[in-house]
Amino acid sequence: MLTQEHEFLIELVRHRPSLVATLLAEVGLKVPAFKEARLESADLNDCRPTEYRADSVVAMVDDKRVFAVVLEVQRRYDRRKHWSWPVYLATLRARLKCPCVLLVFCPDAAEARRCATHIDMGHPGWILCPVVVGPEQVPMITDIARAIAEPELTALSAVVHGDGDEGLKVLQVLHDSQQHLPQEQRSYSDLVLALLPESVVTKFREIAVAVLDEIKHPWVRGWIAHGESLGEAKGEARGEAKAILMVLETRGLEVSDETRERILGCTDQETLEAWIHKAVTVRSVEELFVVSGA
């Protein structure tokens, strides 16, 4: 039976397939340059009737497929995977005709270490070493600019680190980033809430602050009963400007020195908020200014 914990990362990858490349980079594995990351069929059957189905499969495409990732979510170590995981990789490699890697996500550190056990295939020199991402490999996102640029990774960070000693900082930046995201990405917070312990949600509710008239999403109202946003205007503007630059650069848009100075030099909060909302979708930096009316 599939659980919310199991489905959480799969849902994030469904929204942003390139998240698997980010996770691989966090464990030091270089991914070839690609223009697009897209979901592939997760059915990995061979000619026999035995059914093999991975949790998710993502292909990196640059005119043609250059790399593929089999993503598996494991709550605990399962020895039986030593037999099915090699089948996933071999079948996918034969189907897509490109290099493939096995990425295993495990939310428990001890179980993650067990999942990283090498699989001896029997053939000389052929040992499968699963690439495993556990809590220690998921970055703790506490920077608002990065939270806006990488909402899926931020949601994962909140689930993994939300109930730790520094967890409230991660939850706060997740909360603060919501008003700058498209509506479909705000739904990640609902998944986070469903997975966090009630004690953590209660504690955050007691200390979090927000302007309810400006932030309408139901999960915010569920966490926060009252309060208003505080912060020095100059520092807030600087943070908004840095967030805009990070979003643009994360999306691969080239930012000239002149444009960088223009964005960092802006102190008008209304203009900055307009820019940061558009930065998620514009096709060029120039379009950012045209649309905002600057």
Protein backbone atom coordinates (compact mmCIF):
# COMPACT_ATOMS: atom_id res chain seq x y z
CA MET A 1 0.00 0.00 0.00
CA LEU A 2 1.40 3.38 -1.02
CA THR A 3 1.81 5.95 1.74
CA GLN A 4 1.89 9.74 1.76
CA GLU A 5 5.59 9.58 2.60
CA HIS A 6 6.16 7.39 -0.45
CA GLU A 7 4.12 9.55 -2.81
CA PHE A 8 5.50 12.92 -1.69
CA LEU A 9 8.75 12.95 -3.66
CA ILE A 10 7.09 11.29 -6.66
CA GLU A 11 4.58 14.16 -6.77
CA LEU A 12 7.38 16.76 -6.61
CA VAL A 13 9.22 15.05 -9.47
CA ARG A 14 6.00 14.90 -11.48
CA HIS A 15 5.80 18.70 -11.24
CA ARG A 16 9.53 19.24 -11.86
CA PRO A 17 11.39 16.24 -13.32
CA SER A 18 14.71 18.09 -13.15
CA LEU A 19 14.55 17.74 -9.35
CA VAL A 20 16.27 14.35 -9.73
CA ALA A 21 19.25 16.11 -11.34
CA THR A 22 19.40 18.48 -8.36
CA LEU A 23 19.40 15.58 -5.92
CA LEU A 24 22.13 13.79 -7.86
CA ALA A 25 24.23 16.96 -7.76
CA GLU A 26 23.77 17.09 -3.97
CA VAL A 27 25.56 13.72 -3.70
CA GLY A 28 28.31 14.74 -6.13
CA LEU A 29 27.14 12.94 -9.27
CA LYS A 30 27.58 14.99 -12.44
CA VAL A 31 24.66 14.95 -14.86
CA PRO A 32 25.32 15.62 -18.59
CA ALA A 33 24.13 18.96 -19.97
CA PHE A 34 20.49 18.83 -21.04
CA LYS A 35 17.79 21.15 -22.34
CA GLU A 36 14.79 19.38 -20.83
CA ALA A 37 13.98 16.83 -18.16
CA ARG A 38 10.82 14.84 -18.82
CA LEU A 39 8.98 11.92 -17.32
CA GLU A 40 9.17 8.55 -19.04
CA SER A 41 7.08 5.44 -18.58
CA ALA A 42 7.90 3.80 -15.27
CA ASP A 43 6.96 0.33 -16.61
CA LEU A 44 10.19 -1.63 -16.87
CA ASN A 45 8.97 -5.06 -17.92
CA ASP A 46 11.00 -7.58 -19.86
CA CYS A 47 9.58 -10.21 -22.21
CA ARG A 48 8.46 -12.44 -19.32
CA PRO A 49 5.19 -11.90 -17.46
CA THR A 50 6.85 -10.67 -14.25
CA GLU A 51 5.91 -7.03 -13.69
CA TYR A 52 8.62 -4.51 -12.92
CA ARG A 53 7.58 -0.94 -12.21
CA ALA A 54 9.78 1.80 -10.79
CA ASP A 55 8.44 4.67 -8.71
CA SER A 56 9.45 7.21 -11.37
CA VAL A 57 11.66 7.51 -14.45
CA VAL A 58 13.09 10.80 -15.75
CA ALA A 59 15.02 11.32 -18.99
CA MET A 60 17.37 14.24 -19.61
CA VAL A 61 17.04 15.41 -23.21
CA ASP A 62 19.36 17.50 -25.38
CA ASP A 63 18.05 16.93 -28.92
CA LYS A 64 18.14 13.26 -27.91
CA ARG A 65 18.10 11.44 -24.59
CA VAL A 66 21.51 11.83 -22.94
CA PHE A 67 20.82 10.44 -19.46
CA ALA A 68 18.04 8.75 -17.52
CA VAL A 69 17.24 8.27 -13.84
CA VAL A 70 15.28 5.52 -12.13
CA LEU A 71 13.90 7.02 -8.93
CA GLU A 72 12.92 4.73 -6.07
CA VAL A 73 11.51 5.88 -2.72
CA GLN A 74 12.33 3.50 0.14
CA ARG A 75 11.06 4.02 3.68
CA ARG A 76 13.18 1.08 4.77
CA TYR A 77 15.78 -1.31 3.37
CA ASP A 78 14.35 -4.22 1.36
CA ARG A 79 16.72 -7.03 0.38
CA ARG A 80 14.41 -8.03 -2.47
CA LYS A 81 15.32 -4.81 -4.30
CA HIS A 82 18.75 -6.34 -4.98
CA TRP A 83 16.99 -8.44 -7.61
CA SER A 84 14.62 -5.85 -9.13
CA TRP A 85 16.80 -2.72 -9.23
CA PRO A 86 19.33 -4.18 -11.69
CA VAL A 87 16.41 -5.16 -13.94
CA TYR A 88 15.11 -1.58 -13.88
CA LEU A 89 18.45 -0.17 -15.02
CA ALA A 90 19.16 -2.80 -17.67
CA THR A 91 15.66 -2.58 -19.15
CA LEU A 92 15.62 1.23 -19.20
CA ARG A 93 19.09 1.39 -20.72
CA ALA A 94 18.02 -0.98 -23.51
CA ARG A 95 14.83 0.98 -24.12
CA LEU A 96 16.22 4.53 -24.12
CA LYS A 97 19.71 3.76 -25.48
CA CYS A 98 21.48 6.09 -23.02
CA PRO A 99 23.36 5.90 -19.69
CA CYS A 100 21.10 5.28 -16.70
CA VAL A 101 21.48 5.69 -12.95
CA LEU A 102 19.55 4.39 -9.96
CA LEU A 103 18.60 7.11 -7.45
CA VAL A 104 17.13 5.94 -4.14
CA PHE A 105 15.55 8.38 -1.68
CA CYS A 106 15.22 7.23 1.93
CA PRO A 107 13.93 9.64 4.63
CA ASP A 108 15.63 7.71 7.45
CA ALA A 109 19.42 8.07 7.76
CA ALA A 110 20.07 4.56 9.08
CA GLU A 111 17.87 2.95 6.43
CA ALA A 112 19.52 5.09 3.76
CA ARG A 113 22.90 3.64 4.66
CA ARG A 114 21.49 0.11 4.33
CA CYS A 115 19.92 0.96 0.96
CA ALA A 116 23.37 2.01 -0.26
CA THR A 117 24.62 -1.58 0.07
CA HIS A 118 26.51 -2.61 -3.06
CA ILE A 119 24.86 -5.26 -5.22
CA ASP A 120 27.27 -7.86 -6.56
CA MET A 121 25.94 -8.96 -9.95
CA GLY A 122 28.17 -12.02 -10.09
CA HIS A 123 29.94 -11.00 -13.29
CA PRO A 124 33.58 -9.95 -12.67
CA GLY A 125 33.80 -6.22 -12.07
CA TRP A 126 30.05 -5.69 -12.27
CA ILE A 127 28.85 -4.24 -8.96
CA LEU A 128 25.81 -1.98 -8.78
CA CYS A 129 26.22 0.85 -6.28
CA PRO A 130 22.85 2.57 -5.68
CA VAL A 131 23.04 6.35 -5.44
CA VAL A 132 21.20 7.05 -2.19
CA VAL A 133 19.88 10.38 -0.92
CA GLY A 134 19.02 10.45 2.77
CA PRO A 135 18.33 13.29 5.23
CA GLU A 136 22.02 14.19 5.35
CA GLN A 137 22.10 14.77 1.58
CA VAL A 138 18.97 16.95 1.40
CA PRO A 139 20.04 20.58 1.86
CA MET A 140 18.42 22.65 4.60
CA ILE A 141 16.79 25.49 2.67
CA THR A 142 16.70 28.63 4.83
CA ASP A 143 17.33 31.24 2.12
CA ILE A 144 14.19 32.87 0.67
CA ALA A 145 15.75 33.40 -2.77
CA ARG A 146 16.61 29.73 -3.12
CA ALA A 147 13.18 28.74 -1.79
CA ILE A 148 11.50 30.73 -4.55
CA ALA A 149 13.86 29.43 -7.23
CA GLU A 150 13.58 25.77 -6.13
CA PRO A 151 10.15 25.25 -4.51
CA GLU A 152 10.19 21.48 -4.95
CA LEU A 153 13.55 21.09 -3.20
CA THR A 154 12.32 23.46 -0.47
CA ALA A 155 9.22 21.34 0.11
CA LEU A 156 11.38 18.22 0.36
CA SER A 157 13.72 20.05 2.75
CA ALA A 158 10.75 21.02 4.94
CA VAL A 159 9.55 17.42 5.19
CA VAL A 160 13.02 16.04 5.91
CA HIS A 161 14.23 18.73 8.31
CA GLY A 162 10.97 20.28 9.57
CA ASP A 163 10.95 18.50 12.91
CA GLY A 164 14.67 18.93 13.62
CA ASP A 165 16.45 21.49 15.79
CA GLU A 166 16.65 23.98 12.91
CA GLY A 167 13.38 22.87 11.37
CA LEU A 168 11.42 26.02 12.16
CA LYS A 169 13.79 28.05 9.99
CA VAL A 170 13.06 25.77 7.04
CA LEU A 171 9.32 25.96 7.67
CA GLN A 172 9.48 29.75 7.95
CA VAL A 173 11.21 30.15 4.58
CA LEU A 174 8.75 27.70 3.01
CA HIS A 175 5.92 29.82 4.37
CA ASP A 176 7.49 33.13 3.27
CA SER A 177 8.07 31.86 -0.29
CA GLN A 178 4.43 30.90 -0.90
CA GLN A 179 3.17 34.30 -1.99
CA HIS A 180 5.81 34.42 -4.75
CA LEU A 181 4.93 31.06 -6.33
CA PRO A 182 2.40 30.05 -9.00
CA GLN A 183 -0.78 28.56 -7.56
CA GLU A 184 0.07 24.96 -8.49
CA GLN A 185 3.36 25.10 -6.58
CA ARG A 186 1.67 26.43 -3.45
CA SER A 187 -0.06 23.06 -3.14
CA TYR A 188 3.25 21.53 -2.02
CA SER A 189 2.63 23.02 1.39
CA ASP A 190 -0.46 20.84 1.79
CA LEU A 191 1.72 17.78 1.35
CA VAL A 192 4.23 19.11 3.85
CA LEU A 193 1.51 19.70 6.44
CA ALA A 194 0.16 16.19 5.99
CA LEU A 195 3.56 14.65 6.65
CA LEU A 196 4.83 16.74 9.57
CA PRO A 197 4.09 15.76 13.18
CA GLU A 198 1.19 17.73 14.68
CA SER A 199 3.49 18.97 17.46
CA VAL A 200 5.72 20.67 14.87
CA VAL A 201 2.77 22.31 13.12
CA THR A 202 1.44 23.56 16.45
CA LYS A 203 4.78 25.01 17.47
CA PHE A 204 5.18 26.81 14.17
CA ARG A 205 1.67 28.21 14.42
CA GLU A 206 2.55 29.77 17.74
CA ILE A 207 5.55 31.70 16.48
CA ALA A 208 4.81 32.34 12.77
CA VAL A 209 3.56 35.72 11.57
CA ALA A 210 1.79 36.71 8.36
CA VAL A 211 -0.52 39.22 6.77
CA LEU A 212 -3.68 37.16 6.26
CA ASP A 213 -5.23 39.70 3.91
CA GLU A 214 -2.31 39.27 1.51
CA ILE A 215 -1.78 35.53 1.83
CA LYS A 216 -5.00 33.70 1.02
CA HIS A 217 -3.90 30.08 0.75
CA PRO A 218 -5.82 27.82 3.20
CA TRP A 219 -2.72 26.15 4.67
CA VAL A 220 -1.41 29.53 5.82
CA ARG A 221 -4.68 30.27 7.61
CA GLY A 222 -4.43 26.85 9.19
CA TRP A 223 -1.00 27.59 10.61
CA ILE A 224 -1.33 31.22 11.53
CA ALA A 225 -4.08 32.78 13.61
CA HIS A 226 -2.88 36.35 13.73
CA GLY A 227 0.04 38.72 13.28
CA GLU A 228 1.56 40.84 10.57
CA SER A 229 4.73 40.70 8.55
CA LEU A 230 7.62 42.61 10.04
CA GLY A 231 10.95 43.62 8.63
CA GLU A 232 13.01 46.61 7.72
CA ALA A 233 11.96 47.89 4.29
CA LYS A 234 15.46 48.25 2.95
CA GLY A 235 16.51 44.76 3.97
CA GLU A 236 13.29 43.29 2.60
CA ALA A 237 13.80 45.00 -0.76
CA ARG A 238 17.34 43.68 -0.95
CA GLY A 239 16.09 40.17 -0.24
CA GLU A 240 13.41 40.45 -2.93
CA ALA A 241 15.99 41.66 -5.46
CA LYS A 242 18.33 38.75 -4.69
CA ALA A 243 15.41 36.34 -5.05
CA ILE A 244 14.60 37.73 -8.51
CA LEU A 245 18.19 37.24 -9.65
CA MET A 246 18.36 33.71 -8.31
CA VAL A 247 15.09 32.74 -10.02
CA LEU A 248 16.29 34.13 -13.35
CA GLU A 249 19.69 32.45 -13.10
CA THR A 250 18.21 29.13 -11.96
CA ARG A 251 15.97 29.18 -15.05
CA GLY A 252 19.04 29.68 -17.24
CA LEU A 253 18.31 33.28 -18.25
CA GLU A 254 21.42 35.41 -18.80
CA VAL A 255 21.58 38.44 -16.51
CA SER A 256 23.91 41.24 -17.57
CA ASP A 257 25.80 43.40 -15.08
CA GLU A 258 23.60 46.36 -16.02
CA THR A 259 20.43 44.36 -15.38
CA ARG A 260 21.79 43.04 -12.08
CA GLU A 261 22.50 46.60 -10.90
CA ARG A 262 19.00 47.70 -11.98
CA ILE A 263 17.32 44.96 -10.00
CA LEU A 264 19.51 45.31 -6.91
CA GLY A 265 19.11 49.10 -7.01
CA CYS A 266 15.32 49.02 -7.00
CA THR A 267 13.74 49.89 -3.65
CA ASP A 268 10.11 50.10 -4.72
CA GLN A 269 8.38 47.15 -3.05
CA GLU A 270 5.48 47.04 -5.51
CA THR A 271 7.83 46.89 -8.50
CA LEU A 272 9.97 44.21 -6.89
CA GLU A 273 6.94 42.06 -6.10
CA ALA A 274 5.73 42.37 -9.70
CA TRP A 275 9.15 41.36 -11.00
CA ILE A 276 9.48 38.38 -8.72
CA HIS A 277 6.10 36.98 -9.77
CA LYS A 278 7.00 37.37 -13.46
CA ALA A 279 10.53 35.98 -13.06
CA VAL A 280 9.07 32.47 -12.79
CA THR A 281 7.55 32.55 -16.30
CA VAL A 282 9.27 35.17 -18.50
CA ARG A 283 11.24 33.94 -21.50
CA SER A 284 13.88 36.68 -21.29
CA VAL A 285 15.10 39.22 -18.77
CA GLU A 286 13.91 42.03 -21.06
CA GLU A 287 10.37 40.65 -20.91
CA LEU A 288 10.50 40.97 -17.13
CA PHE A 289 10.74 44.76 -17.37
CA VAL A 290 8.20 45.15 -20.18
CA VAL A 291 5.54 43.17 -18.38
CA SER A 292 6.13 44.95 -15.07
CA GLY A 293 5.74 48.33 -16.70
CA ALA A 294 9.15 49.43 -15.49
